[in-house]
Amino acid sequence: MIEQLSITTEAGSFDAIASGPEDGRPVLLLHGFPEAALAWEHQVGVLGSNGYRAVAFDQRGYSPGVRPEHAAEYGVTQLVQDVLDVADQLGWGEFDLVGHDWGGAVAWWTAIDHPDRLRTLAVLSTPHPGALKNALQTDEDQQLRSRYMTEWREKSTERRMLENNAHALRQMFEWRVRQSHVDEYVQRLQEPGALTAALNWYRAGKPGGVADKVTVKTMYVWSTEDVVFGSTAAFDTENWVTGPYRFEMIEDVTHWIPEEVPEATSTLLLEHLA
């Protein structure tokens, strides 16, 4: 059974979904762009039914109750602090962290800066920030894949993404995500200020910290048809983890791993957590 939660921190009120016993081992899941906690619906349900306490929340800008106006308020430091604040409000001193896409980047930085808070880390699609930085400097393929990050900082991006019934937003999902979920994401991002808030993650600037190696137990999952992240950074990620490391490569799956292959994703997470 999926529960609806509201988690109030100093930043505001985050909307969330949850499942599992209150005293179950805590697992926090972070979504990416342009999705919401709903992207983890299957995994939250499976984890909950296996005795974990799984929570996925709509992150900064996606939750109407935490939608600051200025792009500078969407930096990695604030996003990581949201993770810690939500965990604190849930009463979790130590927890397992799972992230995909932008949520994966936030998960990596949480593990880098606050390894004492994490029991394990699992990231889908997004390589370690150090591996991605190296690829952007040396790999022409990754440079081409990442050009959109610069383009999305332009002020005209919202108009282009939302025109023609949000055709550009819908195309991003490559027809691999359940239509009802896509409709839900589009509807949310059509709310006044919502898409700007989501795009402010790209406009906030580069992280100020150093992308050190990760010491906690980590699983990284990459799919061969991911248009955003190429193999160079994916294969290099193992060099940025000093703790126990597991790499899973999924063939013929696009960037949208949790929603395109939900059962396989849930199975991998259960194996990793066990």
Foldseek 3Di string as FASTA:
>chain_A
DKDWDWFQFPLWIWIKIKAADLPFAEEEEEEAPLAFQVLCVLLRHLCRVVHHIYMYIGFALLGPGRQDDDLLCLELVNRLVVVVRSCVSSVQQAHEYEYAHVRLQSQLVNLQPPVVRYQEYEYEADFQPVLLVVCCVPPVLLVVLAPVLVVLLDPCNLVVCPPPNRVNQLVVVVPLFDPVRSVVSSVSCPPPSRVVSSSSNSVNDDHPDDRAAGEHHYEYEHEPAESRDHDRSLVCRVVRYPHHYHYHYHYPDYSSPCRNPVVVVSVVVVVSVD
